[in-house]
Amino acid sequence: EFVEHIRAMDYKPPPVPESRLIDIA
C-alpha cells in the first residue's frame, strides 16, 4: 500500500506542514 502510494505521488513526497507534523507527533 505504501509502494502504491509512492507511485501515485509520482515518487515525490509532498511538503508536510508544521501543523501536521505536530499532529503526528
mmCIF file of all heavy atoms, coordinates in Angstrom:
data_MODEL
# 
_entry.id   MODEL 
# 
loop_
_atom_site.group_PDB 
_atom_site.id 
_atom_site.type_symbol 
_atom_site.label_atom_id 
_atom_site.label_alt_id 
_atom_site.label_comp_id 
_atom_site.label_asym_id 
_atom_site.label_entity_id 
_atom_site.label_seq_id 
_atom_site.pdbx_PDB_ins_code 
_atom_site.Cartn_x 
_atom_site.Cartn_y 
_atom_site.Cartn_z 
_atom_site.occupancy 
_atom_site.B_iso_or_equiv 
_atom_site.pdbx_formal_charge 
_atom_site.auth_seq_id 
_atom_site.auth_comp_id 
_atom_site.auth_asym_id 
_atom_site.auth_atom_id 
_atom_site.pdbx_PDB_model_num 
ATOM 1   N N   . GLU A 1 1  ? 0.825  -1.209 0.000   1.00 0.00 ? 1  GLU A N   1 
ATOM 2   C CA  . GLU A 1 1  ? 0.000  0.000  0.000   1.00 0.00 ? 1  GLU A CA  1 
ATOM 3   C C   . GLU A 1 1  ? 0.862  1.263  0.000   1.00 0.00 ? 1  GLU A C   1 
ATOM 4   O O   . GLU A 1 1  ? 0.494  2.266  -0.609  1.00 0.00 ? 1  GLU A O   1 
ATOM 5   C CB  . GLU A 1 1  ? -0.939 0.007  1.197   1.00 0.00 ? 1  GLU A CB  1 
ATOM 6   C CG  . GLU A 1 1  ? -1.971 -1.102 1.135   1.00 0.00 ? 1  GLU A CG  1 
ATOM 7   C CD  . GLU A 1 1  ? -2.626 -1.338 2.480   1.00 0.00 ? 1  GLU A CD  1 
ATOM 8   O OE1 . GLU A 1 1  ? -1.973 -1.152 3.523   1.00 0.00 ? 1  GLU A OE1 1 
ATOM 9   O OE2 . GLU A 1 1  ? -3.808 -1.720 2.477   1.00 0.00 ? 1  GLU A OE2 1 
ATOM 10  N N   . PHE A 1 2  ? 1.998  1.205  0.695   1.00 0.00 ? 2  PHE A N   1 
ATOM 11  C CA  . PHE A 1 2  ? 2.905  2.352  0.722   1.00 0.00 ? 2  PHE A CA  1 
ATOM 12  C C   . PHE A 1 2  ? 3.550  2.531  -0.657  1.00 0.00 ? 2  PHE A C   1 
ATOM 13  O O   . PHE A 1 2  ? 3.656  3.641  -1.169  1.00 0.00 ? 2  PHE A O   1 
ATOM 14  C CB  . PHE A 1 2  ? 3.947  2.171  1.817   1.00 0.00 ? 2  PHE A CB  1 
ATOM 15  C CG  . PHE A 1 2  ? 4.879  3.342  2.016   1.00 0.00 ? 2  PHE A CG  1 
ATOM 16  C CD1 . PHE A 1 2  ? 4.462  4.653  1.885   1.00 0.00 ? 2  PHE A CD1 1 
ATOM 17  C CD2 . PHE A 1 2  ? 6.209  3.127  2.364   1.00 0.00 ? 2  PHE A CD2 1 
ATOM 18  C CE1 . PHE A 1 2  ? 5.324  5.724  2.087   1.00 0.00 ? 2  PHE A CE1 1 
ATOM 19  C CE2 . PHE A 1 2  ? 7.077  4.185  2.575   1.00 0.00 ? 2  PHE A CE2 1 
ATOM 20  C CZ  . PHE A 1 2  ? 6.633  5.486  2.423   1.00 0.00 ? 2  PHE A CZ  1 
ATOM 21  N N   . VAL A 1 3  ? 3.955  1.424  -1.269  1.00 0.00 ? 3  VAL A N   1 
ATOM 22  C CA  . VAL A 1 3  ? 4.561  1.496  -2.605  1.00 0.00 ? 3  VAL A CA  1 
ATOM 23  C C   . VAL A 1 3  ? 3.550  2.064  -3.613  1.00 0.00 ? 3  VAL A C   1 
ATOM 24  O O   . VAL A 1 3  ? 3.892  2.921  -4.426  1.00 0.00 ? 3  VAL A O   1 
ATOM 25  C CB  . VAL A 1 3  ? 5.096  0.119  -3.049  1.00 0.00 ? 3  VAL A CB  1 
ATOM 26  C CG1 . VAL A 1 3  ? 5.547  0.147  -4.505  1.00 0.00 ? 3  VAL A CG1 1 
ATOM 27  C CG2 . VAL A 1 3  ? 6.243  -0.326 -2.146  1.00 0.00 ? 3  VAL A CG2 1 
ATOM 28  N N   . GLU A 1 4  ? 2.303  1.627  -3.536  1.00 0.00 ? 4  GLU A N   1 
ATOM 29  C CA  . GLU A 1 4  ? 1.263  2.171  -4.419  1.00 0.00 ? 4  GLU A CA  1 
ATOM 30  C C   . GLU A 1 4  ? 1.088  3.668  -4.188  1.00 0.00 ? 4  GLU A C   1 
ATOM 31  O O   . GLU A 1 4  ? 0.926  4.433  -5.139  1.00 0.00 ? 4  GLU A O   1 
ATOM 32  C CB  . GLU A 1 4  ? -0.055 1.435  -4.177  1.00 0.00 ? 4  GLU A CB  1 
ATOM 33  C CG  . GLU A 1 4  ? -0.049 -0.001 -4.656  1.00 0.00 ? 4  GLU A CG  1 
ATOM 34  C CD  . GLU A 1 4  ? -1.246 -0.800 -4.176  1.00 0.00 ? 4  GLU A CD  1 
ATOM 35  O OE1 . GLU A 1 4  ? -2.239 -0.210 -3.676  1.00 0.00 ? 4  GLU A OE1 1 
ATOM 36  O OE2 . GLU A 1 4  ? -1.201 -2.037 -4.284  1.00 0.00 ? 4  GLU A OE2 1 
ATOM 37  N N   . HIS A 1 5  ? 1.126  4.079  -2.927  1.00 0.00 ? 5  HIS A N   1 
ATOM 38  C CA  . HIS A 1 5  ? 1.021  5.499  -2.572  1.00 0.00 ? 5  HIS A CA  1 
ATOM 39  C C   . HIS A 1 5  ? 2.198  6.284  -3.165  1.00 0.00 ? 5  HIS A C   1 
ATOM 40  O O   . HIS A 1 5  ? 1.997  7.347  -3.756  1.00 0.00 ? 5  HIS A O   1 
ATOM 41  C CB  . HIS A 1 5  ? 0.989  5.623  -1.047  1.00 0.00 ? 5  HIS A CB  1 
ATOM 42  C CG  . HIS A 1 5  ? 1.059  7.007  -0.525  1.00 0.00 ? 5  HIS A CG  1 
ATOM 43  N ND1 . HIS A 1 5  ? -0.031 7.858  -0.502  1.00 0.00 ? 5  HIS A ND1 1 
ATOM 44  C CD2 . HIS A 1 5  ? 2.091  7.702  0.014   1.00 0.00 ? 5  HIS A CD2 1 
ATOM 45  C CE1 . HIS A 1 5  ? 0.332  9.013  0.023   1.00 0.00 ? 5  HIS A CE1 1 
ATOM 46  N NE2 . HIS A 1 5  ? 1.606  8.946  0.348   1.00 0.00 ? 5  HIS A NE2 1 
ATOM 47  N N   . ILE A 1 6  ? 3.399  5.749  -3.036  1.00 0.00 ? 6  ILE A N   1 
ATOM 48  C CA  . ILE A 1 6  ? 4.593  6.406  -3.582  1.00 0.00 ? 6  ILE A CA  1 
ATOM 49  C C   . ILE A 1 6  ? 4.458  6.585  -5.092  1.00 0.00 ? 6  ILE A C   1 
ATOM 50  O O   . ILE A 1 6  ? 4.739  7.659  -5.622  1.00 0.00 ? 6  ILE A O   1 
ATOM 51  C CB  . ILE A 1 6  ? 5.869  5.595  -3.230  1.00 0.00 ? 6  ILE A CB  1 
ATOM 52  C CG1 . ILE A 1 6  ? 6.150  5.674  -1.731  1.00 0.00 ? 6  ILE A CG1 1 
ATOM 53  C CG2 . ILE A 1 6  ? 7.070  6.069  -4.048  1.00 0.00 ? 6  ILE A CG2 1 
ATOM 54  C CD1 . ILE A 1 6  ? 7.234  4.714  -1.248  1.00 0.00 ? 6  ILE A CD1 1 
ATOM 55  N N   . ARG A 1 7  ? 4.029  5.555  -5.757  1.00 0.00 ? 7  ARG A N   1 
ATOM 56  C CA  . ARG A 1 7  ? 3.858  5.630  -7.210  1.00 0.00 ? 7  ARG A CA  1 
ATOM 57  C C   . ARG A 1 7  ? 2.774  6.643  -7.582  1.00 0.00 ? 7  ARG A C   1 
ATOM 58  O O   . ARG A 1 7  ? 2.929  7.400  -8.541  1.00 0.00 ? 7  ARG A O   1 
ATOM 59  C CB  . ARG A 1 7  ? 3.540  4.255  -7.774  1.00 0.00 ? 7  ARG A CB  1 
ATOM 60  C CG  . ARG A 1 7  ? 4.736  3.316  -7.717  1.00 0.00 ? 7  ARG A CG  1 
ATOM 61  C CD  . ARG A 1 7  ? 4.376  1.910  -8.141  1.00 0.00 ? 7  ARG A CD  1 
ATOM 62  N NE  . ARG A 1 7  ? 5.552  1.049  -8.125  1.00 0.00 ? 7  ARG A NE  1 
ATOM 63  C CZ  . ARG A 1 7  ? 5.509  -0.247 -7.838  1.00 0.00 ? 7  ARG A CZ  1 
ATOM 64  N NH1 . ARG A 1 7  ? 4.356  -0.841 -7.558  1.00 0.00 ? 7  ARG A NH1 1 
ATOM 65  N NH2 . ARG A 1 7  ? 6.632  -0.958 -7.837  1.00 0.00 ? 7  ARG A NH2 1 
ATOM 66  N N   . ALA A 1 8  ? 1.670  6.651  -6.825  1.00 0.00 ? 8  ALA A N   1 
ATOM 67  C CA  . ALA A 1 8  ? 0.583  7.605  -7.086  1.00 0.00 ? 8  ALA A CA  1 
ATOM 68  C C   . ALA A 1 8  ? 1.050  9.048  -6.892  1.00 0.00 ? 8  ALA A C   1 
ATOM 69  O O   . ALA A 1 8  ? 0.535  9.962  -7.542  1.00 0.00 ? 8  ALA A O   1 
ATOM 70  C CB  . ALA A 1 8  ? -0.613 7.303  -6.187  1.00 0.00 ? 8  ALA A CB  1 
ATOM 71  N N   . MET A 1 9  ? 2.041  9.242  -6.012  1.00 0.00 ? 9  MET A N   1 
ATOM 72  C CA  . MET A 1 9  ? 2.601  10.573 -5.758  1.00 0.00 ? 9  MET A CA  1 
ATOM 73  C C   . MET A 1 9  ? 3.698  10.906 -6.769  1.00 0.00 ? 9  MET A C   1 
ATOM 74  O O   . MET A 1 9  ? 4.383  11.918 -6.623  1.00 0.00 ? 9  MET A O   1 
ATOM 75  C CB  . MET A 1 9  ? 3.156  10.656 -4.333  1.00 0.00 ? 9  MET A CB  1 
ATOM 76  C CG  . MET A 1 9  ? 2.137  10.414 -3.224  1.00 0.00 ? 9  MET A CG  1 
ATOM 77  S SD  . MET A 1 9  ? 0.795  11.594 -3.227  1.00 0.00 ? 9  MET A SD  1 
ATOM 78  C CE  . MET A 1 9  ? 1.663  13.076 -2.785  1.00 0.00 ? 9  MET A CE  1 
ATOM 79  N N   . ASP A 1 10 ? 3.887  10.047 -7.767  1.00 0.00 ? 10 ASP A N   1 
ATOM 80  C CA  . ASP A 1 10 ? 4.918  10.219 -8.791  1.00 0.00 ? 10 ASP A CA  1 
ATOM 81  C C   . ASP A 1 10 ? 6.310  10.326 -8.162  1.00 0.00 ? 10 ASP A C   1 
ATOM 82  O O   . ASP A 1 10 ? 7.156  11.106 -8.611  1.00 0.00 ? 10 ASP A O   1 
ATOM 83  C CB  . ASP A 1 10 ? 4.613  11.425 -9.687  1.00 0.00 ? 10 ASP A CB  1 
ATOM 84  C CG  . ASP A 1 10 ? 5.422  11.422 -10.966 1.00 0.00 ? 10 ASP A CG  1 
ATOM 85  O OD1 . ASP A 1 10 ? 5.805  10.327 -11.435 1.00 0.00 ? 10 ASP A OD1 1 
ATOM 86  O OD2 . ASP A 1 10 ? 5.690  12.522 -11.496 1.00 0.00 ? 10 ASP A OD2 1 
ATOM 87  N N   . TYR A 1 11 ? 6.523  9.571  -7.079  1.00 0.00 ? 11 TYR A N   1 
ATOM 88  C CA  . TYR A 1 11 ? 7.824  9.452  -6.408  1.00 0.00 ? 11 TYR A CA  1 
ATOM 89  C C   . TYR A 1 11 ? 8.304  10.769 -5.783  1.00 0.00 ? 11 TYR A C   1 
ATOM 90  O O   . TYR A 1 11 ? 9.486  10.914 -5.504  1.00 0.00 ? 11 TYR A O   1 
ATOM 91  C CB  . TYR A 1 11 ? 8.888  8.906  -7.364  1.00 0.00 ? 11 TYR A CB  1 
ATOM 92  C CG  . TYR A 1 11 ? 8.482  7.626  -8.048  1.00 0.00 ? 11 TYR A CG  1 
ATOM 93  C CD1 . TYR A 1 11 ? 7.891  7.647  -9.309  1.00 0.00 ? 11 TYR A CD1 1 
ATOM 94  C CD2 . TYR A 1 11 ? 8.671  6.390  -7.432  1.00 0.00 ? 11 TYR A CD2 1 
ATOM 95  C CE1 . TYR A 1 11 ? 7.503  6.471  -9.940  1.00 0.00 ? 11 TYR A CE1 1 
ATOM 96  C CE2 . TYR A 1 11 ? 8.281  5.214  -8.059  1.00 0.00 ? 11 TYR A CE2 1 
ATOM 97  C CZ  . TYR A 1 11 ? 7.706  5.264  -9.308  1.00 0.00 ? 11 TYR A CZ  1 
ATOM 98  O OH  . TYR A 1 11 ? 7.323  4.091  -9.935  1.00 0.00 ? 11 TYR A OH  1 
ATOM 99  N N   . LYS A 1 12 ? 7.393  11.688 -5.529  1.00 0.00 ? 12 LYS A N   1 
ATOM 100 C CA  . LYS A 1 12 ? 7.760  12.987 -4.942  1.00 0.00 ? 12 LYS A CA  1 
ATOM 101 C C   . LYS A 1 12 ? 6.938  13.214 -3.684  1.00 0.00 ? 12 LYS A C   1 
ATOM 102 O O   . LYS A 1 12 ? 5.737  13.508 -3.776  1.00 0.00 ? 12 LYS A O   1 
ATOM 103 C CB  . LYS A 1 12 ? 7.505  14.115 -5.940  1.00 0.00 ? 12 LYS A CB  1 
ATOM 104 C CG  . LYS A 1 12 ? 8.333  14.007 -7.188  1.00 0.00 ? 12 LYS A CG  1 
ATOM 105 C CD  . LYS A 1 12 ? 7.966  15.089 -8.176  1.00 0.00 ? 12 LYS A CD  1 
ATOM 106 C CE  . LYS A 1 12 ? 8.646  14.816 -9.502  1.00 0.00 ? 12 LYS A CE  1 
ATOM 107 N NZ  . LYS A 1 12 ? 7.711  14.561 -10.575 1.00 0.00 ? 12 LYS A NZ  1 
ATOM 108 N N   . PRO A 1 13 ? 7.553  13.093 -2.508  1.00 0.00 ? 13 PRO A N   1 
ATOM 109 C CA  . PRO A 1 13 ? 6.785  13.331 -1.287  1.00 0.00 ? 13 PRO A CA  1 
ATOM 110 C C   . PRO A 1 13 ? 6.353  14.798 -1.198  1.00 0.00 ? 13 PRO A C   1 
ATOM 111 O O   . PRO A 1 13 ? 7.123  15.695 -1.536  1.00 0.00 ? 13 PRO A O   1 
ATOM 112 C CB  . PRO A 1 13 ? 7.739  12.956 -0.161  1.00 0.00 ? 13 PRO A CB  1 
ATOM 113 C CG  . PRO A 1 13 ? 9.091  12.962 -0.755  1.00 0.00 ? 13 PRO A CG  1 
ATOM 114 C CD  . PRO A 1 13 ? 8.938  12.749 -2.228  1.00 0.00 ? 13 PRO A CD  1 
ATOM 115 N N   . PRO A 1 14 ? 5.129  15.016 -0.756  1.00 0.00 ? 14 PRO A N   1 
ATOM 116 C CA  . PRO A 1 14 ? 4.661  16.396 -0.640  1.00 0.00 ? 14 PRO A CA  1 
ATOM 117 C C   . PRO A 1 14 ? 5.290  17.077 0.575   1.00 0.00 ? 14 PRO A C   1 
ATOM 118 O O   . PRO A 1 14 ? 5.723  16.409 1.515   1.00 0.00 ? 14 PRO A O   1 
ATOM 119 C CB  . PRO A 1 14 ? 3.152  16.233 -0.437  1.00 0.00 ? 14 PRO A CB  1 
ATOM 120 C CG  . PRO A 1 14 ? 3.024  14.914 0.260   1.00 0.00 ? 14 PRO A CG  1 
ATOM 121 C CD  . PRO A 1 14 ? 4.123  14.048 -0.336  1.00 0.00 ? 14 PRO A CD  1 
ATOM 122 N N   . PRO A 1 15 ? 5.318  18.401 0.577   1.00 0.00 ? 15 PRO A N   1 
ATOM 123 C CA  . PRO A 1 15 ? 5.743  19.097 1.790   1.00 0.00 ? 15 PRO A CA  1 
ATOM 124 C C   . PRO A 1 15 ? 4.707  18.845 2.885   1.00 0.00 ? 15 PRO A C   1 
ATOM 125 O O   . PRO A 1 15 ? 3.510  18.746 2.596   1.00 0.00 ? 15 PRO A O   1 
ATOM 126 C CB  . PRO A 1 15 ? 5.781  20.570 1.375   1.00 0.00 ? 15 PRO A CB  1 
ATOM 127 C CG  . PRO A 1 15 ? 5.045  20.665 0.082   1.00 0.00 ? 15 PRO A CG  1 
ATOM 128 C CD  . PRO A 1 15 ? 4.983  19.291 -0.514  1.00 0.00 ? 15 PRO A CD  1 
ATOM 129 N N   . VAL A 1 16 ? 5.187  18.701 4.106   1.00 0.00 ? 16 VAL A N   1 
ATOM 130 C CA  . VAL A 1 16 ? 4.288  18.438 5.230   1.00 0.00 ? 16 VAL A CA  1 
ATOM 131 C C   . VAL A 1 16 ? 4.264  19.684 6.108   1.00 0.00 ? 16 VAL A C   1 
ATOM 132 O O   . VAL A 1 16 ? 5.298  20.085 6.637   1.00 0.00 ? 16 VAL A O   1 
ATOM 133 C CB  . VAL A 1 16 ? 4.755  17.204 6.043   1.00 0.00 ? 16 VAL A CB  1 
ATOM 134 C CG1 . VAL A 1 16 ? 3.784  16.915 7.177   1.00 0.00 ? 16 VAL A CG1 1 
ATOM 135 C CG2 . VAL A 1 16 ? 4.909  15.989 5.136   1.00 0.00 ? 16 VAL A CG2 1 
ATOM 136 N N   . PRO A 1 17 ? 3.084  20.293 6.266   1.00 0.00 ? 17 PRO A N   1 
ATOM 137 C CA  . PRO A 1 17 ? 3.008  21.500 7.091   1.00 0.00 ? 17 PRO A CA  1 
ATOM 138 C C   . PRO A 1 17 ? 3.335  21.206 8.555   1.00 0.00 ? 17 PRO A C   1 
ATOM 139 O O   . PRO A 1 17 ? 3.111  20.096 9.048   1.00 0.00 ? 17 PRO A O   1 
ATOM 140 C CB  . PRO A 1 17 ? 1.559  21.961 6.949   1.00 0.00 ? 17 PRO A CB  1 
ATOM 141 C CG  . PRO A 1 17 ? 0.866  21.006 6.061   1.00 0.00 ? 17 PRO A CG  1 
ATOM 142 C CD  . PRO A 1 17 ? 1.813  19.916 5.691   1.00 0.00 ? 17 PRO A CD  1 
ATOM 143 N N   . GLU A 1 18 ? 3.872  22.195 9.229   1.00 0.00 ? 18 GLU A N   1 
ATOM 144 C CA  . GLU A 1 18 ? 4.249  22.042 10.632  1.00 0.00 ? 18 GLU A CA  1 
ATOM 145 C C   . GLU A 1 18 ? 3.068  21.575 11.478  1.00 0.00 ? 18 GLU A C   1 
ATOM 146 O O   . GLU A 1 18 ? 3.231  20.751 12.374  1.00 0.00 ? 18 GLU A O   1 
ATOM 147 C CB  . GLU A 1 18 ? 4.797  23.361 11.172  1.00 0.00 ? 18 GLU A CB  1 
ATOM 148 C CG  . GLU A 1 18 ? 5.278  23.251 12.601  1.00 0.00 ? 18 GLU A CG  1 
ATOM 149 C CD  . GLU A 1 18 ? 5.879  24.544 13.120  1.00 0.00 ? 18 GLU A CD  1 
ATOM 150 O OE1 . GLU A 1 18 ? 6.117  25.478 12.344  1.00 0.00 ? 18 GLU A OE1 1 
ATOM 151 O OE2 . GLU A 1 18 ? 6.118  24.610 14.339  1.00 0.00 ? 18 GLU A OE2 1 
ATOM 152 N N   . SER A 1 19 ? 1.879  22.057 11.189  1.00 0.00 ? 19 SER A N   1 
ATOM 153 C CA  . SER A 1 19 ? 0.700  21.657 11.970  1.00 0.00 ? 19 SER A CA  1 
ATOM 154 C C   . SER A 1 19 ? 0.455  20.153 11.855  1.00 0.00 ? 19 SER A C   1 
ATOM 155 O O   . SER A 1 19 ? 0.054  19.506 12.829  1.00 0.00 ? 19 SER A O   1 
ATOM 156 C CB  . SER A 1 19 ? -0.536 22.437 11.521  1.00 0.00 ? 19 SER A CB  1 
ATOM 157 O OG  . SER A 1 19 ? -0.815 22.193 10.151  1.00 0.00 ? 19 SER A OG  1 
ATOM 158 N N   . ARG A 1 20 ? 0.704  19.583 10.684  1.00 0.00 ? 20 ARG A N   1 
ATOM 159 C CA  . ARG A 1 20 ? 0.532  18.134 10.509  1.00 0.00 ? 20 ARG A CA  1 
ATOM 160 C C   . ARG A 1 20 ? 1.626  17.380 11.245  1.00 0.00 ? 20 ARG A C   1 
ATOM 161 O O   . ARG A 1 20 ? 1.367  16.331 11.853  1.00 0.00 ? 20 ARG A O   1 
ATOM 162 C CB  . ARG A 1 20 ? 0.536  17.769 9.019   1.00 0.00 ? 20 ARG A CB  1 
ATOM 163 C CG  . ARG A 1 20 ? 0.402  16.280 8.749   1.00 0.00 ? 20 ARG A CG  1 
ATOM 164 C CD  . ARG A 1 20 ? -0.921 15.707 9.213   1.00 0.00 ? 20 ARG A CD  1 
ATOM 165 N NE  . ARG A 1 20 ? -0.987 14.282 8.903   1.00 0.00 ? 20 ARG A NE  1 
ATOM 166 C CZ  . ARG A 1 20 ? -1.491 13.361 9.706   1.00 0.00 ? 20 ARG A CZ  1 
ATOM 167 N NH1 . ARG A 1 20 ? -2.037 13.710 10.859  1.00 0.00 ? 20 ARG A NH1 1 
ATOM 168 N NH2 . ARG A 1 20 ? -1.495 12.094 9.364   1.00 0.00 ? 20 ARG A NH2 1 
ATOM 169 N N   . LEU A 1 21 ? 2.848  17.890 11.231  1.00 0.00 ? 21 LEU A N   1 
ATOM 170 C CA  . LEU A 1 21 ? 3.940  17.245 11.972  1.00 0.00 ? 21 LEU A CA  1 
ATOM 171 C C   . LEU A 1 21 ? 3.630  17.215 13.468  1.00 0.00 ? 21 LEU A C   1 
ATOM 172 O O   . LEU A 1 21 ? 3.856  16.207 14.136  1.00 0.00 ? 21 LEU A O   1 
ATOM 173 C CB  . LEU A 1 21 ? 5.259  17.977 11.710  1.00 0.00 ? 21 LEU A CB  1 
ATOM 174 C CG  . LEU A 1 21 ? 5.799  17.901 10.283  1.00 0.00 ? 21 LEU A CG  1 
ATOM 175 C CD1 . LEU A 1 21 ? 7.025  18.797 10.142  1.00 0.00 ? 21 LEU A CD1 1 
ATOM 176 C CD2 . LEU A 1 21 ? 6.112  16.475 9.879   1.00 0.00 ? 21 LEU A CD2 1 
ATOM 177 N N   . ILE A 1 22 ? 3.104  18.306 13.975  1.00 0.00 ? 22 ILE A N   1 
ATOM 178 C CA  . ILE A 1 22 ? 2.744  18.362 15.400  1.00 0.00 ? 22 ILE A CA  1 
ATOM 179 C C   . ILE A 1 22 ? 1.626  17.371 15.694  1.00 0.00 ? 22 ILE A C   1 
ATOM 180 O O   . ILE A 1 22 ? 1.667  16.652 16.703  1.00 0.00 ? 22 ILE A O   1 
ATOM 181 C CB  . ILE A 1 22 ? 2.355  19.797 15.803  1.00 0.00 ? 22 ILE A CB  1 
ATOM 182 C CG1 . ILE A 1 22 ? 3.606  20.688 15.769  1.00 0.00 ? 22 ILE A CG1 1 
ATOM 183 C CG2 . ILE A 1 22 ? 1.704  19.825 17.182  1.00 0.00 ? 22 ILE A CG2 1 
ATOM 184 C CD1 . ILE A 1 22 ? 3.323  22.171 15.896  1.00 0.00 ? 22 ILE A CD1 1 
ATOM 185 N N   . ASP A 1 23 ? 0.636  17.284 14.824  1.00 0.00 ? 23 ASP A N   1 
ATOM 186 C CA  . ASP A 1 23 ? -0.460 16.336 14.995  1.00 0.00 ? 23 ASP A CA  1 
ATOM 187 C C   . ASP A 1 23 ? 0.065  14.901 15.017  1.00 0.00 ? 23 ASP A C   1 
ATOM 188 O O   . ASP A 1 23 ? -0.342 14.094 15.861  1.00 0.00 ? 23 ASP A O   1 
ATOM 189 C CB  . ASP A 1 23 ? -1.480 16.525 13.871  1.00 0.00 ? 23 ASP A CB  1 
ATOM 190 C CG  . ASP A 1 23 ? -2.657 15.593 14.010  1.00 0.00 ? 23 ASP A CG  1 
ATOM 191 O OD1 . ASP A 1 23 ? -3.328 15.629 15.066  1.00 0.00 ? 23 ASP A OD1 1 
ATOM 192 O OD2 . ASP A 1 23 ? -2.913 14.821 13.056  1.00 0.00 ? 23 ASP A OD2 1 
ATOM 193 N N   . ILE A 1 24 ? 0.967  14.569 14.108  1.00 0.00 ? 24 ILE A N   1 
ATOM 194 C CA  . ILE A 1 24 ? 1.553  13.219 14.073  1.00 0.00 ? 24 ILE A CA  1 
ATOM 195 C C   . ILE A 1 24 ? 2.334  12.953 15.350  1.00 0.00 ? 24 ILE A C   1 
ATOM 196 O O   . ILE A 1 24 ? 2.219  11.880 15.951  1.00 0.00 ? 24 ILE A O   1 
ATOM 197 C CB  . ILE A 1 24 ? 2.455  13.043 12.834  1.00 0.00 ? 24 ILE A CB  1 
ATOM 198 C CG1 . ILE A 1 24 ? 1.625  13.097 11.554  1.00 0.00 ? 24 ILE A CG1 1 
ATOM 199 C CG2 . ILE A 1 24 ? 3.238  11.728 12.918  1.00 0.00 ? 24 ILE A CG2 1 
ATOM 200 C CD1 . ILE A 1 24 ? 2.459  13.226 10.285  1.00 0.00 ? 24 ILE A CD1 1 
ATOM 201 N N   . ALA A 1 25 ? 3.142  13.919 15.775  1.00 0.00 ? 25 ALA A N   1 
ATOM 202 C CA  . ALA A 1 25 ? 3.935  13.745 16.994  1.00 0.00 ? 25 ALA A CA  1 
ATOM 203 C C   . ALA A 1 25 ? 3.036  13.514 18.212  1.00 0.00 ? 25 ALA A C   1 
ATOM 204 O O   . ALA A 1 25 ? 3.301  12.633 19.036  1.00 0.00 ? 25 ALA A O   1 
ATOM 205 C CB  . ALA A 1 25 ? 4.837  14.952 17.220  1.00 0.00 ? 25 ALA A CB  1 
# 
